[in-house]
Amino acid sequence: MLIIRQEQMDALSQSRAMDFEERAICSLTRISNKLYETHDSKKLKYFVHEGVLEARELRIVAECDVIRYLKMKYKFGTKNWNSLDFKWIHEYLRRQLPACKRLDLIIECLRFCEKSDVIL
């Protein structure tokens, strides 16, 4: 019988988390070629790590949803993300809906706002 000790499970879990963070960084760099020019790798890893923790607190746990959350946060910048202008996003994120639905609603609202700005 195969016995896996807790230390081995912890090491595997840590390895999987690091793999995910690397995939998230790759996804973020695809949306901006200047990403590595404006952020050193330590800051980018910190951004992803903190974003993953925030996503977990918001019940966003599926990899594809966490990456969507990180892309949104990156696109608007931390300063804007925490401003009162984006308070409505935080309210949507706390709704009692599946994460993918919450993110879809936010993205749809943002697209509508962009179209409205063009019309006005």
PDB file of N, CA and C in Angstrom:
ATOM      1  N   MET A   1       0.823  -1.172   0.000  1.00  0.00           N
ATOM      2  CA  MET A   1       0.000   0.000   0.000  1.00  0.00           C
ATOM      3  C   MET A   1       0.880   1.253   0.000  1.00  0.00           C
ATOM      4  N   LEU A   2       0.485   2.212  -0.800  1.00  0.00           N
ATOM      5  CA  LEU A   2       1.229   3.462  -0.911  1.00  0.00           C
ATOM      6  C   LEU A   2       0.777   4.422   0.182  1.00  0.00           C
ATOM      7  N   ILE A   3       1.737   4.973   0.897  1.00  0.00           N
ATOM      8  CA  ILE A   3       1.427   5.925   1.953  1.00  0.00           C
ATOM      9  C   ILE A   3       2.073   7.259   1.586  1.00  0.00           C
ATOM     10  N   ILE A   4       1.251   8.300   1.562  1.00  0.00           N
ATOM     11  CA  ILE A   4       1.755   9.636   1.270  1.00  0.00           C
ATOM     12  C   ILE A   4       1.707  10.445   2.557  1.00  0.00           C
ATOM     13  N   ARG A   5       2.871  10.904   2.965  1.00  0.00           N
ATOM     14  CA  ARG A   5       2.949  11.685   4.198  1.00  0.00           C
ATOM     15  C   ARG A   5       2.435  13.107   3.964  1.00  0.00           C
ATOM     16  N   GLN A   6       2.080  13.774   5.045  1.00  0.00           N
ATOM     17  CA  GLN A   6       1.563  15.145   4.966  1.00  0.00           C
ATOM     18  C   GLN A   6       2.587  16.089   4.326  1.00  0.00           C
ATOM     19  N   GLU A   7       3.874  15.887   4.620  1.00  0.00           N
ATOM     20  CA  GLU A   7       4.917  16.728   4.035  1.00  0.00           C
ATOM     21  C   GLU A   7       4.925  16.598   2.509  1.00  0.00           C
ATOM     22  N   GLN A   8       4.691  15.390   2.028  1.00  0.00           N
ATOM     23  CA  GLN A   8       4.649  15.169   0.584  1.00  0.00           C
ATOM     24  C   GLN A   8       3.420  15.850  -0.025  1.00  0.00           C
ATOM     25  N   MET A   9       2.292  15.754   0.666  1.00  0.00           N
ATOM     26  CA  MET A   9       1.072  16.412   0.189  1.00  0.00           C
ATOM     27  C   MET A   9       1.257  17.934   0.153  1.00  0.00           C
ATOM     28  N   ASP A  10       1.902  18.459   1.179  1.00  0.00           N
ATOM     29  CA  ASP A  10       2.154  19.898   1.232  1.00  0.00           C
ATOM     30  C   ASP A  10       3.067  20.338   0.094  1.00  0.00           C
ATOM     31  N   ALA A  11       4.095  19.560  -0.181  1.00  0.00           N
ATOM     32  CA  ALA A  11       5.021  19.887  -1.260  1.00  0.00           C
ATOM     33  C   ALA A  11       4.312  19.845  -2.616  1.00  0.00           C
ATOM     34  N   LEU A  12       3.466  18.854  -2.816  1.00  0.00           N
ATOM     35  CA  LEU A  12       2.706  18.747  -4.063  1.00  0.00           C
ATOM     36  C   LEU A  12       1.758  19.926  -4.220  1.00  0.00           C
ATOM     37  N   SER A  13       1.082  20.280  -3.150  1.00  0.00           N
ATOM     38  CA  SER A  13       0.149  21.411  -3.184  1.00  0.00           C
ATOM     39  C   SER A  13       0.877  22.709  -3.503  1.00  0.00           C
ATOM     40  N   GLN A  14       2.034  22.899  -2.893  1.00  0.00           N
ATOM     41  CA  GLN A  14       2.828  24.106  -3.142  1.00  0.00           C
ATOM     42  C   GLN A  14       3.303  24.143  -4.592  1.00  0.00           C
ATOM     43  N   SER A  15       3.697  23.013  -5.120  1.00  0.00           N
ATOM     44  CA  SER A  15       4.144  22.927  -6.506  1.00  0.00           C
ATOM     45  C   SER A  15       3.006  23.271  -7.468  1.00  0.00           C
ATOM     46  N   ARG A  16       1.815  22.762  -7.189  1.00  0.00           N
ATOM     47  CA  ARG A  16       0.656  23.058  -8.045  1.00  0.00           C
ATOM     48  C   ARG A  16       0.311  24.542  -7.995  1.00  0.00           C
ATOM     49  N   ALA A  17       0.413  25.151  -6.822  1.00  0.00           N
ATOM     50  CA  ALA A  17       0.126  26.586  -6.681  1.00  0.00           C
ATOM     51  C   ALA A  17       1.133  27.404  -7.481  1.00  0.00           C
ATOM     52  N   MET A  18       2.398  27.006  -7.439  1.00  0.00           N
ATOM     53  CA  MET A  18       3.426  27.719  -8.205  1.00  0.00           C
ATOM     54  C   MET A  18       3.179  27.566  -9.699  1.00  0.00           C
ATOM     55  N   ASP A  19       2.777  26.369 -10.135  1.00  0.00           N
ATOM     56  CA  ASP A  19       2.460  26.145 -11.545  1.00  0.00           C
ATOM     57  C   ASP A  19       1.310  27.043 -11.988  1.00  0.00           C
ATOM     58  N   PHE A  20       0.283  27.146 -11.151  1.00  0.00           N
ATOM     59  CA  PHE A  20      -0.842  28.007 -11.482  1.00  0.00           C
ATOM     60  C   PHE A  20      -0.402  29.456 -11.584  1.00  0.00           C
ATOM     61  N   GLU A  21       0.400  29.914 -10.631  1.00  0.00           N
ATOM     62  CA  GLU A  21       0.852  31.296 -10.666  1.00  0.00           C
ATOM     63  C   GLU A  21       1.630  31.577 -11.952  1.00  0.00           C
ATOM     64  N   GLU A  22       2.424  30.638 -12.404  1.00  0.00           N
ATOM     65  CA  GLU A  22       3.165  30.810 -13.658  1.00  0.00           C
ATOM     66  C   GLU A  22       2.206  30.898 -14.850  1.00  0.00           C
ATOM     67  N   ARG A  23       1.170  30.060 -14.857  1.00  0.00           N
ATOM     68  CA  ARG A  23       0.177  30.130 -15.945  1.00  0.00           C
ATOM     69  C   ARG A  23      -0.568  31.456 -15.911  1.00  0.00           C
ATOM     70  N   ALA A  24      -0.872  31.939 -14.717  1.00  0.00           N
ATOM     71  CA  ALA A  24      -1.558  33.230 -14.582  1.00  0.00           C
ATOM     72  C   ALA A  24      -0.674  34.357 -15.097  1.00  0.00           C
ATOM     73  N   ILE A  25       0.602  34.328 -14.782  1.00  0.00           N
ATOM     74  CA  ILE A  25       1.530  35.351 -15.265  1.00  0.00           C
ATOM     75  C   ILE A  25       1.595  35.319 -16.785  1.00  0.00           C
ATOM     76  N   CYS A  26       1.642  34.131 -17.372  1.00  0.00           N
ATOM     77  CA  CYS A  26       1.654  34.015 -18.838  1.00  0.00           C
ATOM     78  C   CYS A  26       0.382  34.611 -19.437  1.00  0.00           C
ATOM     79  N   SER A  27      -0.751  34.362 -18.822  1.00  0.00           N
ATOM     80  CA  SER A  27      -2.013  34.919 -19.314  1.00  0.00           C
ATOM     81  C   SER A  27      -2.009  36.441 -19.235  1.00  0.00           C
ATOM     82  N   LEU A  28      -1.481  36.970 -18.158  1.00  0.00           N
ATOM     83  CA  LEU A  28      -1.422  38.425 -18.011  1.00  0.00           C
ATOM     84  C   LEU A  28      -0.471  39.056 -19.018  1.00  0.00           C
ATOM     85  N   THR A  29       0.636  38.404 -19.285  1.00  0.00           N
ATOM     86  CA  THR A  29       1.587  38.984 -20.238  1.00  0.00           C
ATOM     87  C   THR A  29       1.040  38.957 -21.661  1.00  0.00           C
ATOM     88  N   ARG A  30       0.091  38.077 -21.932  1.00  0.00           N
ATOM     89  CA  ARG A  30      -0.532  38.068 -23.257  1.00  0.00           C
ATOM     90  C   ARG A  30      -1.396  39.300 -23.500  1.00  0.00           C
ATOM     91  N   ILE A  31      -1.951  39.887 -22.442  1.00  0.00           N
ATOM     92  CA  ILE A  31      -2.792  41.070 -22.646  1.00  0.00           C
ATOM     93  C   ILE A  31      -1.971  42.346 -22.730  1.00  0.00           C
ATOM     94  N   SER A  32      -0.707  42.283 -22.320  1.00  0.00           N
ATOM     95  CA  SER A  32       0.134  43.464 -22.393  1.00  0.00           C
ATOM     96  C   SER A  32       1.579  43.050 -22.622  1.00  0.00           C
ATOM     97  N   ASN A  33       2.106  43.422 -23.790  1.00  0.00           N
ATOM     98  CA  ASN A  33       3.506  43.118 -24.083  1.00  0.00           C
ATOM     99  C   ASN A  33       4.445  43.919 -23.187  1.00  0.00           C
ATOM    100  N   LYS A  34       3.972  45.045 -22.681  1.00  0.00           N
ATOM    101  CA  LYS A  34       4.814  45.903 -21.847  1.00  0.00           C
ATOM    102  C   LYS A  34       4.796  45.481 -20.386  1.00  0.00           C
ATOM    103  N   LEU A  35       4.111  44.403 -20.085  1.00  0.00           N
ATOM    104  CA  LEU A  35       3.959  43.996 -18.697  1.00  0.00           C
ATOM    105  C   LEU A  35       5.295  43.776 -18.011  1.00  0.00           C
ATOM    106  N   TYR A  36       6.207  43.061 -18.676  1.00  0.00           N
ATOM    107  CA  TYR A  36       7.497  42.811 -18.058  1.00  0.00           C
ATOM    108  C   TYR A  36       8.354  44.063 -18.018  1.00  0.00           C
ATOM    109  N   GLU A  37       8.102  45.002 -18.931  1.00  0.00           N
ATOM    110  CA  GLU A  37       8.855  46.249 -18.914  1.00  0.00           C
ATOM    111  C   GLU A  37       8.443  47.119 -17.733  1.00  0.00           C
ATOM    112  N   THR A  38       7.168  47.078 -17.364  1.00  0.00           N
ATOM    113  CA  THR A  38       6.678  47.946 -16.295  1.00  0.00           C
ATOM    114  C   THR A  38       6.676  47.271 -14.932  1.00  0.00           C
ATOM    115  N   HIS A  39       6.735  45.964 -14.870  1.00  0.00           N
ATOM    116  CA  HIS A  39       6.744  45.247 -13.595  1.00  0.00           C
ATOM    117  C   HIS A  39       7.914  44.274 -13.590  1.00  0.00           C
ATOM    118  N   ASP A  40       8.679  44.279 -12.515  1.00  0.00           N
ATOM    119  CA  ASP A  40       9.682  43.235 -12.433  1.00  0.00           C
ATOM    120  C   ASP A  40       8.978  41.942 -12.020  1.00  0.00           C
ATOM    121  N   SER A  41       9.661  40.848 -12.188  1.00  0.00           N
ATOM    122  CA  SER A  41       9.015  39.549 -11.981  1.00  0.00           C
ATOM    123  C   SER A  41       8.539  39.366 -10.533  1.00  0.00           C
ATOM    124  N   LYS A  42       9.258  39.922  -9.564  1.00  0.00           N
ATOM    125  CA  LYS A  42       8.830  39.778  -8.167  1.00  0.00           C
ATOM    126  C   LYS A  42       7.514  40.517  -7.928  1.00  0.00           C
ATOM    127  N   LYS A  43       7.384  41.725  -8.475  1.00  0.00           N
ATOM    128  CA  LYS A  43       6.145  42.487  -8.303  1.00  0.00           C
ATOM    129  C   LYS A  43       4.981  41.791  -8.989  1.00  0.00           C
ATOM    130  N   LEU A  44       5.247  41.230 -10.159  1.00  0.00           N
ATOM    131  CA  LEU A  44       4.205  40.531 -10.892  1.00  0.00           C
ATOM    132  C   LEU A  44       3.762  39.277 -10.143  1.00  0.00           C
ATOM    133  N   LYS A  45       4.704  38.530  -9.614  1.00  0.00           N
ATOM    134  CA  LYS A  45       4.365  37.344  -8.819  1.00  0.00           C
ATOM    135  C   LYS A  45       3.581  37.735  -7.574  1.00  0.00           C
ATOM    136  N   TYR A  46       3.965  38.849  -6.957  1.00  0.00           N
ATOM    137  CA  TYR A  46       3.241  39.327  -5.777  1.00  0.00           C
ATOM    138  C   TYR A  46       1.808  39.717  -6.158  1.00  0.00           C
ATOM    139  N   PHE A  47       1.647  40.418  -7.287  1.00  0.00           N
ATOM    140  CA  PHE A  47       0.325  40.811  -7.774  1.00  0.00           C
ATOM    141  C   PHE A  47      -0.554  39.576  -7.964  1.00  0.00           C
ATOM    142  N   VAL A  48      -0.005  38.551  -8.600  1.00  0.00           N
ATOM    143  CA  VAL A  48      -0.761  37.323  -8.849  1.00  0.00           C
ATOM    144  C   VAL A  48      -1.074  36.619  -7.529  1.00  0.00           C
ATOM    145  N   HIS A  49      -0.091  36.498  -6.676  1.00  0.00           N
ATOM    146  CA  HIS A  49      -0.301  35.807  -5.397  1.00  0.00           C
ATOM    147  C   HIS A  49      -1.391  36.500  -4.575  1.00  0.00           C
ATOM    148  N   GLU A  50      -1.304  37.815  -4.460  1.00  0.00           N
ATOM    149  CA  GLU A  50      -2.317  38.565  -3.699  1.00  0.00           C
ATOM    150  C   GLU A  50      -3.683  38.470  -4.378  1.00  0.00           C
ATOM    151  N   GLY A  51      -3.704  38.531  -5.709  1.00  0.00           N
ATOM    152  CA  GLY A  51      -4.961  38.420  -6.441  1.00  0.00           C
ATOM    153  C   GLY A  51      -5.623  37.069  -6.245  1.00  0.00           C
ATOM    154  N   VAL A  52      -4.824  36.022  -6.183  1.00  0.00           N
ATOM    155  CA  VAL A  52      -5.362  34.678  -5.951  1.00  0.00           C
ATOM    156  C   VAL A  52      -5.991  34.607  -4.556  1.00  0.00           C
ATOM    157  N   LEU A  53      -5.330  35.194  -3.582  1.00  0.00           N
ATOM    158  CA  LEU A  53      -5.887  35.204  -2.226  1.00  0.00           C
ATOM    159  C   LEU A  53      -7.201  35.997  -2.178  1.00  0.00           C
ATOM    160  N   GLU A  54      -7.235  37.146  -2.861  1.00  0.00           N
ATOM    161  CA  GLU A  54      -8.468  37.936  -2.917  1.00  0.00           C
ATOM    162  C   GLU A  54      -9.583  37.142  -3.593  1.00  0.00           C
ATOM    163  N   ALA A  55      -9.243  36.500  -4.699  1.00  0.00           N
ATOM    164  CA  ALA A  55     -10.236  35.719  -5.437  1.00  0.00           C
ATOM    165  C   ALA A  55     -10.805  34.618  -4.547  1.00  0.00           C
ATOM    166  N   ARG A  56      -9.960  33.966  -3.807  1.00  0.00           N
ATOM    167  CA  ARG A  56     -10.413  32.901  -2.911  1.00  0.00           C
ATOM    168  C   ARG A  56     -11.400  33.449  -1.879  1.00  0.00           C
ATOM    169  N   GLU A  57     -11.104  34.639  -1.342  1.00  0.00           N
ATOM    170  CA  GLU A  57     -12.023  35.263  -0.376  1.00  0.00           C
ATOM    171  C   GLU A  57     -13.375  35.577  -1.006  1.00  0.00           C
ATOM    172  N   LEU A  58     -13.372  35.827  -2.322  1.00  0.00           N
ATOM    173  CA  LEU A  58     -14.605  36.145  -3.051  1.00  0.00           C
ATOM    174  C   LEU A  58     -15.276  34.884  -3.613  1.00  0.00           C
ATOM    175  N   ARG A  59     -14.792  33.727  -3.225  1.00  0.00           N
ATOM    176  CA  ARG A  59     -15.323  32.441  -3.691  1.00  0.00           C
ATOM    177  C   ARG A  59     -15.112  32.253  -5.195  1.00  0.00           C
ATOM    178  N   ILE A  60     -14.017  32.775  -5.698  1.00  0.00           N
ATOM    179  CA  ILE A  60     -13.623  32.565  -7.091  1.00  0.00           C
ATOM    180  C   ILE A  60     -12.449  31.592  -7.032  1.00  0.00           C
ATOM    181  N   VAL A  61     -12.706  30.335  -7.411  1.00  0.00           N
ATOM    182  CA  VAL A  61     -11.671  29.314  -7.213  1.00  0.00           C
ATOM    183  C   VAL A  61     -11.293  28.556  -8.483  1.00  0.00           C
ATOM    184  N   ALA A  62     -12.169  28.536  -9.484  1.00  0.00           N
ATOM    185  CA  ALA A  62     -11.820  27.841 -10.729  1.00  0.00           C
ATOM    186  C   ALA A  62     -10.707  28.625 -11.423  1.00  0.00           C
ATOM    187  N   GLU A  63      -9.733  27.907 -11.951  1.00  0.00           N
ATOM    188  CA  GLU A  63      -8.570  28.556 -12.555  1.00  0.00           C
ATOM    189  C   GLU A  63      -8.954  29.598 -13.605  1.00  0.00           C
ATOM    190  N   CYS A  64      -9.868  29.251 -14.498  1.00  0.00           N
ATOM    191  CA  CYS A  64     -10.238  30.191 -15.564  1.00  0.00           C
ATOM    192  C   CYS A  64     -10.881  31.451 -14.979  1.00  0.00           C
ATOM    193  N   ASP A  65     -11.655  31.319 -13.913  1.00  0.00           N
ATOM    194  CA  ASP A  65     -12.291  32.476 -13.287  1.00  0.00           C
ATOM    195  C   ASP A  65     -11.275  33.332 -12.530  1.00  0.00           C
ATOM    196  N   VAL A  66     -10.338  32.692 -11.863  1.00  0.00           N
ATOM    197  CA  VAL A  66      -9.301  33.440 -11.153  1.00  0.00           C
ATOM    198  C   VAL A  66      -8.485  34.252 -12.148  1.00  0.00           C
ATOM    199  N   ILE A  67      -8.155  33.661 -13.282  1.00  0.00           N
ATOM    200  CA  ILE A  67      -7.385  34.385 -14.293  1.00  0.00           C
ATOM    201  C   ILE A  67      -8.201  35.550 -14.854  1.00  0.00           C
ATOM    202  N   ARG A  68      -9.514  35.360 -15.059  1.00  0.00           N
ATOM    203  CA  ARG A  68     -10.359  36.468 -15.511  1.00  0.00           C
ATOM    204  C   ARG A  68     -10.361  37.591 -14.474  1.00  0.00           C
ATOM    205  N   TYR A  69     -10.456  37.230 -13.204  1.00  0.00           N
ATOM    206  CA  TYR A  69     -10.426  38.213 -12.126  1.00  0.00           C
ATOM    207  C   TYR A  69      -9.098  38.989 -12.153  1.00  0.00           C
ATOM    208  N   LEU A  70      -7.983  38.267 -12.280  1.00  0.00           N
ATOM    209  CA  LEU A  70      -6.672  38.913 -12.312  1.00  0.00           C
ATOM    210  C   LEU A  70      -6.539  39.854 -13.513  1.00  0.00           C
ATOM    211  N   LYS A  71      -7.047  39.424 -14.667  1.00  0.00           N
ATOM    212  CA  LYS A  71      -6.978  40.280 -15.859  1.00  0.00           C
ATOM    213  C   LYS A  71      -7.775  41.558 -15.663  1.00  0.00           C
ATOM    214  N   MET A  72      -8.958  41.440 -15.064  1.00  0.00           N
ATOM    215  CA  MET A  72      -9.774  42.629 -14.800  1.00  0.00           C
ATOM    216  C   MET A  72      -9.031  43.577 -13.869  1.00  0.00           C
ATOM    217  N   LYS A  73      -8.515  43.018 -12.799  1.00  0.00           N
ATOM    218  CA  LYS A  73      -7.822  43.846 -11.813  1.00  0.00           C
ATOM    219  C   LYS A  73      -6.592  44.500 -12.438  1.00  0.00           C
ATOM    220  N   TYR A  74      -5.866  43.760 -13.244  1.00  0.00           N
ATOM    221  CA  TYR A  74      -4.674  44.312 -13.888  1.00  0.00           C
ATOM    222  C   TYR A  74      -5.049  45.414 -14.884  1.00  0.00           C
ATOM    223  N   LYS A  75      -6.095  45.164 -15.663  1.00  0.00           N
ATOM    224  CA  LYS A  75      -6.496  46.124 -16.696  1.00  0.00           C
ATOM    225  C   LYS A  75      -6.819  47.490 -16.098  1.00  0.00           C
ATOM    226  N   PHE A  76      -7.488  47.507 -14.947  1.00  0.00           N
ATOM    227  CA  PHE A  76      -7.890  48.770 -14.342  1.00  0.00           C
ATOM    228  C   PHE A  76      -6.840  49.342 -13.398  1.00  0.00           C
ATOM    229  N   GLY A  77      -5.864  48.554 -13.027  1.00  0.00           N
ATOM    230  CA  GLY A  77      -4.818  49.033 -12.129  1.00  0.00           C
ATOM    231  C   GLY A  77      -5.290  49.036 -10.683  1.00  0.00           C
ATOM    232  N   THR A  78      -4.385  48.791  -9.785  1.00  0.00           N
ATOM    233  CA  THR A  78      -4.729  48.678  -8.366  1.00  0.00           C
ATOM    234  C   THR A  78      -5.313  49.983  -7.834  1.00  0.00           C
ATOM    235  N   LYS A  79      -4.761  51.112  -8.254  1.00  0.00           N
ATOM    236  CA  LYS A  79      -5.257  52.397  -7.762  1.00  0.00           C
ATOM    237  C   LYS A  79      -6.718  52.594  -8.173  1.00  0.00           C
ATOM    238  N   ASN A  80      -7.028  52.375  -9.445  1.00  0.00           N
ATOM    239  CA  ASN A  80      -8.403  52.506  -9.917  1.00  0.00           C
ATOM    240  C   ASN A  80      -9.303  51.437  -9.309  1.00  0.00           C
ATOM    241  N   TRP A  81      -8.787  50.223  -9.222  1.00  0.00           N
ATOM    242  CA  TRP A  81      -9.560  49.084  -8.726  1.00  0.00           C
ATOM    243  C   TRP A  81     -10.111  49.362  -7.330  1.00  0.00           C
ATOM    244  N   ASN A  82      -9.359  50.068  -6.525  1.00  0.00           N
ATOM    245  CA  ASN A  82      -9.774  50.347  -5.156  1.00  0.00           C
ATOM    246  C   ASN A  82     -10.509  51.685  -5.010  1.00  0.00           C
ATOM    247  N   SER A  83     -10.761  52.382  -6.123  1.00  0.00           N
ATOM    248  CA  SER A  83     -11.441  53.674  -6.050  1.00  0.00           C
ATOM    249  C   SER A  83     -12.952  53.484  -5.912  1.00  0.00           C
ATOM    250  N   LEU A  84     -13.620  54.553  -5.534  1.00  0.00           N
ATOM    251  CA  LEU A  84     -15.075  54.503  -5.377  1.00  0.00           C
ATOM    252  C   LEU A  84     -15.779  54.257  -6.709  1.00  0.00           C
ATOM    253  N   ASP A  85     -15.145  54.618  -7.821  1.00  0.00           N
ATOM    254  CA  ASP A  85     -15.745  54.399  -9.132  1.00  0.00           C
ATOM    255  C   ASP A  85     -16.004  52.919  -9.403  1.00  0.00           C
ATOM    256  N   PHE A  86     -15.241  52.071  -8.754  1.00  0.00           N
ATOM    257  CA  PHE A  86     -15.374  50.630  -8.979  1.00  0.00           C
ATOM    258  C   PHE A  86     -16.057  49.913  -7.818  1.00  0.00           C
ATOM    259  N   LYS A  87     -16.692  50.680  -6.949  1.00  0.00           N
ATOM    260  CA  LYS A  87     -17.390  50.081  -5.817  1.00  0.00           C
ATOM    261  C   LYS A  87     -18.442  49.082  -6.295  1.00  0.00           C
ATOM    262  N   TRP A  88     -19.121  49.403  -7.389  1.00  0.00           N
ATOM    263  CA  TRP A  88     -20.165  48.515  -7.904  1.00  0.00           C
ATOM    264  C   TRP A  88     -19.595  47.154  -8.300  1.00  0.00           C
ATOM    265  N   ILE A  89     -18.355  47.128  -8.782  1.00  0.00           N
ATOM    266  CA  ILE A  89     -17.733  45.845  -9.141  1.00  0.00           C
ATOM    267  C   ILE A  89     -17.578  44.988  -7.890  1.00  0.00           C
ATOM    268  N   HIS A  90     -17.118  45.580  -6.827  1.00  0.00           N
ATOM    269  CA  HIS A  90     -16.929  44.830  -5.581  1.00  0.00           C
ATOM    270  C   HIS A  90     -18.268  44.317  -5.051  1.00  0.00           C
ATOM    271  N   GLU A  91     -19.329  45.109  -5.260  1.00  0.00           N
ATOM    272  CA  GLU A  91     -20.655  44.650  -4.840  1.00  0.00           C
ATOM    273  C   GLU A  91     -21.101  43.449  -5.678  1.00  0.00           C
ATOM    274  N   TYR A  92     -20.861  43.480  -6.978  1.00  0.00           N
ATOM    275  CA  TYR A  92     -21.194  42.330  -7.831  1.00  0.00           C
ATOM    276  C   TYR A  92     -20.392  41.101  -7.420  1.00  0.00           C
ATOM    277  N   LEU A  93     -19.116  41.314  -7.099  1.00  0.00           N
ATOM    278  CA  LEU A  93     -18.253  40.187  -6.732  1.00  0.00           C
ATOM    279  C   LEU A  93     -18.711  39.493  -5.458  1.00  0.00           C
ATOM    280  N   ARG A  94     -19.434  40.184  -4.616  1.00  0.00           N
ATOM    281  CA  ARG A  94     -19.883  39.605  -3.357  1.00  0.00           C
ATOM    282  C   ARG A  94     -21.286  38.995  -3.448  1.00  0.00           C
ATOM    283  N   ARG A  95     -21.897  39.059  -4.611  1.00  0.00           N
ATOM    284  CA  ARG A  95     -23.235  38.477  -4.765  1.00  0.00           C
ATOM    285  C   ARG A  95     -23.201  36.965  -4.573  1.00  0.00           C
ATOM    286  N   GLN A  96     -24.368  36.417  -4.280  1.00  0.00           N
ATOM    287  CA  GLN A  96     -24.494  34.972  -4.074  1.00  0.00           C
ATOM    288  C   GLN A  96     -24.837  34.277  -5.393  1.00  0.00           C
ATOM    289  N   LEU A  97     -23.934  34.380  -6.333  1.00  0.00           N
ATOM    290  CA  LEU A  97     -24.053  33.720  -7.638  1.00  0.00           C
ATOM    291  C   LEU A  97     -22.768  32.948  -7.884  1.00  0.00           C
ATOM    292  N   PRO A  98     -22.805  31.989  -8.809  1.00  0.00           N
ATOM    293  CA  PRO A  98     -21.551  31.321  -9.173  1.00  0.00           C
ATOM    294  C   PRO A  98     -20.538  32.349  -9.693  1.00  0.00           C
ATOM    295  N   ALA A  99     -19.281  32.097  -9.442  1.00  0.00           N
ATOM    296  CA  ALA A  99     -18.223  33.041  -9.820  1.00  0.00           C
ATOM    297  C   ALA A  99     -18.270  33.403 -11.302  1.00  0.00           C
ATOM    298  N   CYS A 100     -18.476  32.408 -12.159  1.00  0.00           N
ATOM    299  CA  CYS A 100     -18.479  32.690 -13.596  1.00  0.00           C
ATOM    300  C   CYS A 100     -19.616  33.640 -13.962  1.00  0.00           C
ATOM    301  N   LYS A 101     -20.755  33.519 -13.316  1.00  0.00           N
ATOM    302  CA  LYS A 101     -21.887  34.420 -13.567  1.00  0.00           C
ATOM    303  C   LYS A 101     -21.571  35.837 -13.102  1.00  0.00           C
ATOM    304  N   ARG A 102     -20.964  35.949 -11.916  1.00  0.00           N
ATOM    305  CA  ARG A 102     -20.613  37.274 -11.399  1.00  0.00           C
ATOM    306  C   ARG A 102     -19.639  37.973 -12.335  1.00  0.00           C
ATOM    307  N   LEU A 103     -18.627  37.236 -12.790  1.00  0.00           N
ATOM    308  CA  LEU A 103     -17.643  37.829 -13.696  1.00  0.00           C
ATOM    309  C   LEU A 103     -18.278  38.189 -15.039  1.00  0.00           C
ATOM    310  N   ASP A 104     -19.163  37.325 -15.537  1.00  0.00           N
ATOM    311  CA  ASP A 104     -19.874  37.625 -16.789  1.00  0.00           C
ATOM    312  C   ASP A 104     -20.689  38.909 -16.669  1.00  0.00           C
ATOM    313  N   LEU A 105     -21.389  39.079 -15.556  1.00  0.00           N
ATOM    314  CA  LEU A 105     -22.192  40.288 -15.335  1.00  0.00           C
ATOM    315  C   LEU A 105     -21.320  41.542 -15.329  1.00  0.00           C
ATOM    316  N   ILE A 106     -20.206  41.470 -14.646  1.00  0.00           N
ATOM    317  CA  ILE A 106     -19.299  42.624 -14.579  1.00  0.00           C
ATOM    318  C   ILE A 106     -18.765  42.967 -15.958  1.00  0.00           C
ATOM    319  N   ILE A 107     -18.332  41.955 -16.697  1.00  0.00           N
ATOM    320  CA  ILE A 107     -17.783  42.194 -18.029  1.00  0.00           C
ATOM    321  C   ILE A 107     -18.843  42.773 -18.949  1.00  0.00           C
ATOM    322  N   GLU A 108     -20.052  42.263 -18.866  1.00  0.00           N
ATOM    323  CA  GLU A 108     -21.149  42.787 -19.686  1.00  0.00           C
ATOM    324  C   GLU A 108     -21.433  44.247 -19.344  1.00  0.00           C
ATOM    325  N   CYS A 109     -21.452  44.575 -18.071  1.00  0.00           N
ATOM    326  CA  CYS A 109     -21.672  45.969 -17.656  1.00  0.00           C
ATOM    327  C   CYS A 109     -20.550  46.868 -18.162  1.00  0.00           C
ATOM    328  N   LEU A 110     -19.321  46.406 -18.073  1.00  0.00           N
ATOM    329  CA  LEU A 110     -18.189  47.204 -18.544  1.00  0.00           C
ATOM    330  C   LEU A 110     -18.268  47.429 -20.054  1.00  0.00           C
ATOM    331  N   ARG A 111     -18.659  46.410 -20.788  1.00  0.00           N
ATOM    332  CA  ARG A 111     -18.822  46.568 -22.247  1.00  0.00           C
ATOM    333  C   ARG A 111     -19.919  47.579 -22.557  1.00  0.00           C
ATOM    334  N   PHE A 112     -21.018  47.518 -21.830  1.00  0.00           N
ATOM    335  CA  PHE A 112     -22.112  48.461 -22.027  1.00  0.00           C
ATOM    336  C   PHE A 112     -21.642  49.885 -21.737  1.00  0.00           C
ATOM    337  N   CYS A 113     -20.885  50.048 -20.642  1.00  0.00           N
ATOM    338  CA  CYS A 113     -20.378  51.376 -20.283  1.00  0.00           C
ATOM    339  C   CYS A 113     -19.458  51.923 -21.362  1.00  0.00           C
ATOM    340  N   GLU A 114     -18.609  51.065 -21.926  1.00  0.00           N
ATOM    341  CA  GLU A 114     -17.711  51.508 -22.995  1.00  0.00           C
ATOM    342  C   GLU A 114     -18.507  51.958 -24.206  1.00  0.00           C
ATOM    343  N   LYS A 115     -19.542  51.207 -24.581  1.00  0.00           N
ATOM    344  CA  LYS A 115     -20.378  51.574 -25.725  1.00  0.00           C
ATOM    345  C   LYS A 115     -21.123  52.869 -25.434  1.00  0.00           C
ATOM    346  N   SER A 116     -21.605  53.035 -24.222  1.00  0.00           N
ATOM    347  CA  SER A 116     -22.329  54.247 -23.842  1.00  0.00           C
ATOM    348  C   SER A 116     -21.435  55.472 -23.932  1.00  0.00           C
ATOM    349  N   ASP A 117     -20.184  55.331 -23.513  1.00  0.00           N
ATOM    350  CA  ASP A 117     -19.249  56.456 -23.579  1.00  0.00           C
ATOM    351  C   ASP A 117     -19.026  56.896 -25.026  1.00  0.00           C
ATOM    352  N   VAL A 118     -18.986  55.926 -25.934  1.00  0.00           N
ATOM    353  CA  VAL A 118     -18.783  56.251 -27.342  1.00  0.00           C
ATOM    354  C   VAL A 118     -19.995  57.004 -27.892  1.00  0.00           C
ATOM    355  N   ILE A 119     -21.193  56.590 -27.500  1.00  0.00           N
ATOM    356  CA  ILE A 119     -22.423  57.219 -27.987  1.00  0.00           C
ATOM    357  C   ILE A 119     -22.551  58.629 -27.442  1.00  0.00           C
ATOM    358  N   LEU A 120     -22.236  58.813 -26.152  1.00  0.00           N
ATOM    359  CA  LEU A 120     -22.361  60.144 -25.549  1.00  0.00           C
ATOM    360  C   LEU A 120     -21.287  61.012 -26.094  1.00  0.00           C
TER     361      LEU A 120
END
